[in-house]
């Protein structure tokens, strides 16, 4: 793969990843509300107890760091 193709591929991944992380976060929150707390909390209540932007941001940071290895 040429440097240009590699750069374009990386740019496409970086554009797509925030959407993928947001979707995975949403799915994980739904599962956590049901499984970890046995339905005691609905998603919105559980989300109010955490820092969603920080969680999604950390996930993206870890993915991007792995991409650079």
PDB file of N, CA and C in Angstrom:
ATOM      1  N   UNK A   1       0.853  -1.176   0.000  1.00  0.00           N
ATOM      2  CA  UNK A   1       0.000   0.000   0.000  1.00  0.00           C
ATOM      3  C   UNK A   1       0.897   1.237   0.000  1.00  0.00           C
ATOM      4  N   UNK A   2       0.587   2.194  -0.825  1.00  0.00           N
ATOM      5  CA  UNK A   2       1.387   3.407  -0.894  1.00  0.00           C
ATOM      6  C   UNK A   2       1.084   4.305   0.303  1.00  0.00           C
ATOM      7  N   UNK A   3       1.961   5.274   0.530  1.00  0.00           N
ATOM      8  CA  UNK A   3       1.753   6.215   1.634  1.00  0.00           C
ATOM      9  C   UNK A   3       0.457   6.982   1.471  1.00  0.00           C
ATOM     10  N   UNK A   4       0.124   7.359   0.234  1.00  0.00           N
ATOM     11  CA  UNK A   4      -1.109   8.097  -0.031  1.00  0.00           C
ATOM     12  C   UNK A   4      -2.319   7.235   0.283  1.00  0.00           C
ATOM     13  N   UNK A   5      -2.292   5.980  -0.150  1.00  0.00           N
ATOM     14  CA  UNK A   5      -3.413   5.078   0.129  1.00  0.00           C
ATOM     15  C   UNK A   5      -3.550   4.835   1.629  1.00  0.00           C
ATOM     16  N   UNK A   6      -2.425   4.696   2.310  1.00  0.00           N
ATOM     17  CA  UNK A   6      -2.438   4.489   3.750  1.00  0.00           C
ATOM     18  C   UNK A   6      -3.029   5.700   4.464  1.00  0.00           C
ATOM     19  N   UNK A   7      -2.646   6.902   4.023  1.00  0.00           N
ATOM     20  CA  UNK A   7      -3.167   8.138   4.604  1.00  0.00           C
ATOM     21  C   UNK A   7      -4.664   8.266   4.369  1.00  0.00           C
ATOM     22  N   UNK A   8      -5.121   7.958   3.157  1.00  0.00           N
ATOM     23  CA  UNK A   8      -6.551   8.027   2.846  1.00  0.00           C
ATOM     24  C   UNK A   8      -7.332   7.004   3.651  1.00  0.00           C
ATOM     25  N   UNK A   9      -6.793   5.813   3.801  1.00  0.00           N
ATOM     26  CA  UNK A   9      -7.448   4.760   4.577  1.00  0.00           C
ATOM     27  C   UNK A   9      -7.566   5.175   6.040  1.00  0.00           C
ATOM     28  N   UNK A  10      -6.507   5.741   6.574  1.00  0.00           N
ATOM     29  CA  UNK A  10      -6.516   6.211   7.956  1.00  0.00           C
ATOM     30  C   UNK A  10      -7.541   7.324   8.146  1.00  0.00           C
ATOM     31  N   UNK A  11      -7.629   8.223   7.196  1.00  0.00           N
ATOM     32  CA  UNK A  11      -8.596   9.325   7.273  1.00  0.00           C
ATOM     33  C   UNK A  11     -10.028   8.795   7.260  1.00  0.00           C
ATOM     34  N   UNK A  12     -10.285   7.781   6.437  1.00  0.00           N
ATOM     35  CA  UNK A  12     -11.632   7.187   6.391  1.00  0.00           C
ATOM     36  C   UNK A  12     -11.973   6.530   7.727  1.00  0.00           C
ATOM     37  N   UNK A  13     -11.000   5.815   8.305  1.00  0.00           N
ATOM     38  CA  UNK A  13     -11.232   5.172   9.608  1.00  0.00           C
ATOM     39  C   UNK A  13     -11.526   6.219  10.668  1.00  0.00           C
ATOM     40  N   UNK A  14     -10.766   7.283  10.684  1.00  0.00           N
ATOM     41  CA  UNK A  14     -10.962   8.323  11.707  1.00  0.00           C
ATOM     42  C   UNK A  14     -12.313   9.020  11.550  1.00  0.00           C
ATOM     43  N   UNK A  15     -12.813   9.081  10.352  1.00  0.00           N
ATOM     44  CA  UNK A  15     -14.124   9.682  10.109  1.00  0.00           C
ATOM     45  C   UNK A  15     -15.241   8.742  10.570  1.00  0.00           C
ATOM     46  N   UNK A  16     -15.049   7.444  10.367  1.00  0.00           N
ATOM     47  CA  UNK A  16     -16.056   6.448  10.693  1.00  0.00           C
ATOM     48  C   UNK A  16     -16.067   6.082  12.180  1.00  0.00           C
ATOM     49  N   UNK A  17     -14.902   6.066  12.805  1.00  0.00           N
ATOM     50  CA  UNK A  17     -14.787   5.559  14.175  1.00  0.00           C
ATOM     51  C   UNK A  17     -15.681   6.246  15.206  1.00  0.00           C
ATOM     52  N   UNK A  18     -15.805   7.565  15.216  1.00  0.00           N
ATOM     53  CA  UNK A  18     -16.691   8.170  16.218  1.00  0.00           C
ATOM     54  C   UNK A  18     -18.134   7.642  16.131  1.00  0.00           C
ATOM     55  N   UNK A  19     -18.605   7.376  14.933  1.00  0.00           N
ATOM     56  CA  UNK A  19     -19.955   6.829  14.769  1.00  0.00           C
ATOM     57  C   UNK A  19     -20.025   5.403  15.308  1.00  0.00           C
ATOM     58  N   UNK A  20     -18.995   4.624  15.023  1.00  0.00           N
ATOM     59  CA  UNK A  20     -18.953   3.241  15.494  1.00  0.00           C
ATOM     60  C   UNK A  20     -18.873   3.193  17.019  1.00  0.00           C
ATOM     61  N   UNK A  21     -18.065   4.064  17.611  1.00  0.00           N
ATOM     62  CA  UNK A  21     -17.938   4.100  19.071  1.00  0.00           C
ATOM     63  C   UNK A  21     -19.255   4.543  19.707  1.00  0.00           C
ATOM     64  N   UNK A  22     -19.920   5.530  19.129  1.00  0.00           N
ATOM     65  CA  UNK A  22     -21.205   5.993  19.663  1.00  0.00           C
ATOM     66  C   UNK A  22     -22.242   4.872  19.631  1.00  0.00           C
ATOM     67  N   UNK A  23     -22.250   4.103  18.556  1.00  0.00           N
ATOM     68  CA  UNK A  23     -23.198   2.992  18.444  1.00  0.00           C
ATOM     69  C   UNK A  23     -22.865   1.893  19.455  1.00  0.00           C
ATOM     70  N   UNK A  24     -21.585   1.577  19.580  1.00  0.00           N
ATOM     71  CA  UNK A  24     -21.171   0.555  20.541  1.00  0.00           C
ATOM     72  C   UNK A  24     -21.472   1.005  21.967  1.00  0.00           C
ATOM     73  N   UNK A  25     -21.270   2.285  22.253  1.00  0.00           N
ATOM     74  CA  UNK A  25     -21.568   2.838  23.573  1.00  0.00           C
ATOM     75  C   UNK A  25     -23.057   2.682  23.886  1.00  0.00           C
ATOM     76  N   UNK A  26     -23.888   3.031  22.935  1.00  0.00           N
ATOM     77  CA  UNK A  26     -25.332   2.936  23.124  1.00  0.00           C
ATOM     78  C   UNK A  26     -25.747   1.496  23.405  1.00  0.00           C
ATOM     79  N   UNK A  27     -25.212   0.561  22.642  1.00  0.00           N
ATOM     80  CA  UNK A  27     -25.520  -0.853  22.859  1.00  0.00           C
ATOM     81  C   UNK A  27     -25.036  -1.319  24.223  1.00  0.00           C
ATOM     82  N   UNK A  28     -23.835  -0.902  24.615  1.00  0.00           N
ATOM     83  CA  UNK A  28     -23.272  -1.300  25.906  1.00  0.00           C
ATOM     84  C   UNK A  28     -24.101  -0.728  27.059  1.00  0.00           C
ATOM     85  N   UNK A  29     -24.561   0.494  26.909  1.00  0.00           N
ATOM     86  CA  UNK A  29     -25.374   1.113  27.953  1.00  0.00           C
ATOM     87  C   UNK A  29     -26.691   0.358  28.130  1.00  0.00           C
ATOM     88  N   UNK A  30     -27.305  -0.034  27.027  1.00  0.00           N
ATOM     89  CA  UNK A  30     -28.537  -0.816  27.102  1.00  0.00           C
ATOM     90  C   UNK A  30     -28.306  -2.136  27.833  1.00  0.00           C
ATOM     91  N   UNK A  31     -27.220  -2.832  27.474  1.00  0.00           N
ATOM     92  CA  UNK A  31     -26.913  -4.112  28.113  1.00  0.00           C
ATOM     93  C   UNK A  31     -26.609  -3.926  29.588  1.00  0.00           C
ATOM     94  N   UNK A  32     -25.865  -2.873  29.921  1.00  0.00           N
ATOM     95  CA  UNK A  32     -25.519  -2.621  31.324  1.00  0.00           C
ATOM     96  C   UNK A  32     -26.763  -2.347  32.152  1.00  0.00           C
ATOM     97  N   UNK A  33     -27.683  -1.585  31.592  1.00  0.00           N
ATOM     98  CA  UNK A  33     -28.916  -1.279  32.323  1.00  0.00           C
ATOM     99  C   UNK A  33     -29.696  -2.551  32.627  1.00  0.00           C
ATOM    100  N   UNK A  34     -29.670  -3.499  31.717  1.00  0.00           N
ATOM    101  CA  UNK A  34     -30.401  -4.749  31.920  1.00  0.00           C
ATOM    102  C   UNK A  34     -29.616  -5.765  32.737  1.00  0.00           C
ATOM    103  N   UNK A  35     -28.364  -5.974  32.381  1.00  0.00           N
ATOM    104  CA  UNK A  35     -27.590  -7.053  32.971  1.00  0.00           C
ATOM    105  C   UNK A  35     -26.951  -6.685  34.308  1.00  0.00           C
ATOM    106  N   UNK A  36     -26.217  -5.613  34.339  1.00  0.00           N
ATOM    107  CA  UNK A  36     -25.467  -5.271  35.549  1.00  0.00           C
ATOM    108  C   UNK A  36     -26.378  -4.844  36.693  1.00  0.00           C
ATOM    109  N   UNK A  37     -27.471  -4.233  36.367  1.00  0.00           N
ATOM    110  CA  UNK A  37     -28.361  -3.720  37.408  1.00  0.00           C
ATOM    111  C   UNK A  37     -29.739  -4.368  37.369  1.00  0.00           C
ATOM    112  N   UNK A  38     -29.853  -5.459  36.638  1.00  0.00           N
ATOM    113  CA  UNK A  38     -31.080  -6.255  36.559  1.00  0.00           C
ATOM    114  C   UNK A  38     -32.326  -5.417  36.292  1.00  0.00           C
ATOM    115  N   UNK A  39     -32.172  -4.425  35.421  1.00  0.00           N
ATOM    116  CA  UNK A  39     -33.313  -3.609  35.029  1.00  0.00           C
ATOM    117  C   UNK A  39     -33.712  -2.563  36.049  1.00  0.00           C
ATOM    118  N   UNK A  40     -32.896  -2.389  37.086  1.00  0.00           N
ATOM    119  CA  UNK A  40     -33.212  -1.414  38.123  1.00  0.00           C
ATOM    120  C   UNK A  40     -33.197   0.012  37.572  1.00  0.00           C
ATOM    121  N   UNK A  41     -32.332   0.242  36.588  1.00  0.00           N
ATOM    122  CA  UNK A  41     -32.230   1.563  35.975  1.00  0.00           C
ATOM    123  C   UNK A  41     -32.547   1.480  34.495  1.00  0.00           C
ATOM    124  N   UNK A  42     -33.166   2.534  33.986  1.00  0.00           N
ATOM    125  CA  UNK A  42     -33.299   2.653  32.536  1.00  0.00           C
ATOM    126  C   UNK A  42     -32.026   3.324  32.029  1.00  0.00           C
ATOM    127  N   UNK A  43     -31.813   3.276  30.744  1.00  0.00           N
ATOM    128  CA  UNK A  43     -30.583   3.796  30.152  1.00  0.00           C
ATOM    129  C   UNK A  43     -30.297   5.240  30.558  1.00  0.00           C
ATOM    130  N   UNK A  44     -31.298   6.088  30.513  1.00  0.00           N
ATOM    131  CA  UNK A  44     -31.095   7.508  30.828  1.00  0.00           C
ATOM    132  C   UNK A  44     -30.640   7.700  32.272  1.00  0.00           C
ATOM    133  N   UNK A  45     -31.186   6.912  33.186  1.00  0.00           N
ATOM    134  CA  UNK A  45     -30.779   7.014  34.586  1.00  0.00           C
ATOM    135  C   UNK A  45     -29.330   6.573  34.761  1.00  0.00           C
ATOM    136  N   UNK A  46     -28.983   5.486  34.122  1.00  0.00           N
ATOM    137  CA  UNK A  46     -27.623   4.980  34.213  1.00  0.00           C
ATOM    138  C   UNK A  46     -26.634   5.963  33.587  1.00  0.00           C
ATOM    139  N   UNK A  47     -27.002   6.519  32.455  1.00  0.00           N
ATOM    140  CA  UNK A  47     -26.128   7.475  31.778  1.00  0.00           C
ATOM    141  C   UNK A  47     -25.898   8.725  32.622  1.00  0.00           C
ATOM    142  N   UNK A  48     -26.885   9.102  33.429  1.00  0.00           N
ATOM    143  CA  UNK A  48     -26.740  10.282  34.289  1.00  0.00           C
ATOM    144  C   UNK A  48     -25.713  10.042  35.406  1.00  0.00           C
ATOM    145  N   UNK A  49     -25.369   8.793  35.648  1.00  0.00           N
ATOM    146  CA  UNK A  49     -24.419   8.440  36.704  1.00  0.00           C
ATOM    147  C   UNK A  49     -22.973   8.381  36.217  1.00  0.00           C
ATOM    148  N   UNK A  50     -22.770   8.519  34.917  1.00  0.00           N
ATOM    149  CA  UNK A  50     -21.434   8.366  34.346  1.00  0.00           C
ATOM    150  C   UNK A  50     -21.097   9.581  33.484  1.00  0.00           C
ATOM    151  N   UNK A  51     -19.944   9.542  32.848  1.00  0.00           N
ATOM    152  CA  UNK A  51     -19.493  10.630  31.983  1.00  0.00           C
ATOM    153  C   UNK A  51     -19.390  10.098  30.555  1.00  0.00           C
ATOM    154  N   UNK A  52     -20.507  10.126  29.806  1.00  0.00           N
ATOM    155  CA  UNK A  52     -20.534   9.520  28.478  1.00  0.00           C
ATOM    156  C   UNK A  52     -19.484  10.059  27.512  1.00  0.00           C
ATOM    157  N   UNK A  53     -19.295  11.354  27.480  1.00  0.00           N
ATOM    158  CA  UNK A  53     -18.324  11.941  26.543  1.00  0.00           C
ATOM    159  C   UNK A  53     -16.908  11.482  26.874  1.00  0.00           C
ATOM    160  N   UNK A  54     -16.610  11.388  28.162  1.00  0.00           N
ATOM    161  CA  UNK A  54     -15.287  10.935  28.574  1.00  0.00           C
ATOM    162  C   UNK A  54     -15.072   9.474  28.169  1.00  0.00           C
ATOM    163  N   UNK A  55     -16.073   8.660  28.363  1.00  0.00           N
ATOM    164  CA  UNK A  55     -15.971   7.239  28.005  1.00  0.00           C
ATOM    165  C   UNK A  55     -15.759   7.085  26.504  1.00  0.00           C
ATOM    166  N   UNK A  56     -16.571   7.766  25.714  1.00  0.00           N
ATOM    167  CA  UNK A  56     -16.412   7.673  24.259  1.00  0.00           C
ATOM    168  C   UNK A  56     -15.062   8.239  23.813  1.00  0.00           C
ATOM    169  N   UNK A  57     -14.646   9.333  24.429  1.00  0.00           N
ATOM    170  CA  UNK A  57     -13.355   9.932  24.093  1.00  0.00           C
ATOM    171  C   UNK A  57     -12.193   9.007  24.414  1.00  0.00           C
ATOM    172  N   UNK A  58     -12.247   8.364  25.568  1.00  0.00           N
ATOM    173  CA  UNK A  58     -11.184   7.432  25.944  1.00  0.00           C
ATOM    174  C   UNK A  58     -11.156   6.233  25.006  1.00  0.00           C
ATOM    175  N   UNK A  59     -12.320   5.777  24.599  1.00  0.00           N
ATOM    176  CA  UNK A  59     -12.378   4.657  23.652  1.00  0.00           C
ATOM    177  C   UNK A  59     -11.702   5.041  22.335  1.00  0.00           C
ATOM    178  N   UNK A  60     -12.006   6.218  21.840  1.00  0.00           N
ATOM    179  CA  UNK A  60     -11.387   6.677  20.588  1.00  0.00           C
ATOM    180  C   UNK A  60      -9.871   6.841  20.749  1.00  0.00           C
ATOM    181  N   UNK A  61      -9.444   7.373  21.870  1.00  0.00           N
ATOM    182  CA  UNK A  61      -8.010   7.534  22.118  1.00  0.00           C
ATOM    183  C   UNK A  61      -7.305   6.183  22.083  1.00  0.00           C
ATOM    184  N   UNK A  62      -7.885   5.191  22.743  1.00  0.00           N
ATOM    185  CA  UNK A  62      -7.274   3.853  22.754  1.00  0.00           C
ATOM    186  C   UNK A  62      -7.225   3.258  21.350  1.00  0.00           C
ATOM    187  N   UNK A  63      -8.281   3.450  20.598  1.00  0.00           N
ATOM    188  CA  UNK A  63      -8.310   2.930  19.228  1.00  0.00           C
ATOM    189  C   UNK A  63      -7.247   3.634  18.372  1.00  0.00           C
ATOM    190  N   UNK A  64      -7.186   4.961  18.468  1.00  0.00           N
ATOM    191  CA  UNK A  64      -6.230   5.709  17.663  1.00  0.00           C
ATOM    192  C   UNK A  64      -4.797   5.346  18.042  1.00  0.00           C
ATOM    193  N   UNK A  65      -4.535   5.167  19.356  1.00  0.00           N
ATOM    194  CA  UNK A  65      -3.195   4.779  19.785  1.00  0.00           C
ATOM    195  C   UNK A  65      -2.824   3.413  19.214  1.00  0.00           C
ATOM    196  N   UNK A  66      -3.772   2.488  19.207  1.00  0.00           N
ATOM    197  CA  UNK A  66      -3.528   1.166  18.633  1.00  0.00           C
ATOM    198  C   UNK A  66      -3.299   1.232  17.146  1.00  0.00           C
ATOM    199  N   UNK A  67      -3.919   2.193  16.488  1.00  0.00           N
ATOM    200  CA  UNK A  67      -3.767   2.379  15.052  1.00  0.00           C
ATOM    201  C   UNK A  67      -2.358   2.852  14.702  1.00  0.00           C
ATOM    202  N   UNK A  68      -1.716   3.529  15.642  1.00  0.00           N
ATOM    203  CA  UNK A  68      -0.378   4.070  15.403  1.00  0.00           C
ATOM    204  C   UNK A  68       0.733   3.074  15.735  1.00  0.00           C
ATOM    205  N   UNK A  69       0.384   1.972  16.382  1.00  0.00           N
ATOM    206  CA  UNK A  69       1.401   0.962  16.746  1.00  0.00           C
ATOM    207  C   UNK A  69       1.871   0.176  15.554  1.00  0.00           C
TER     208      UNK A  69
END
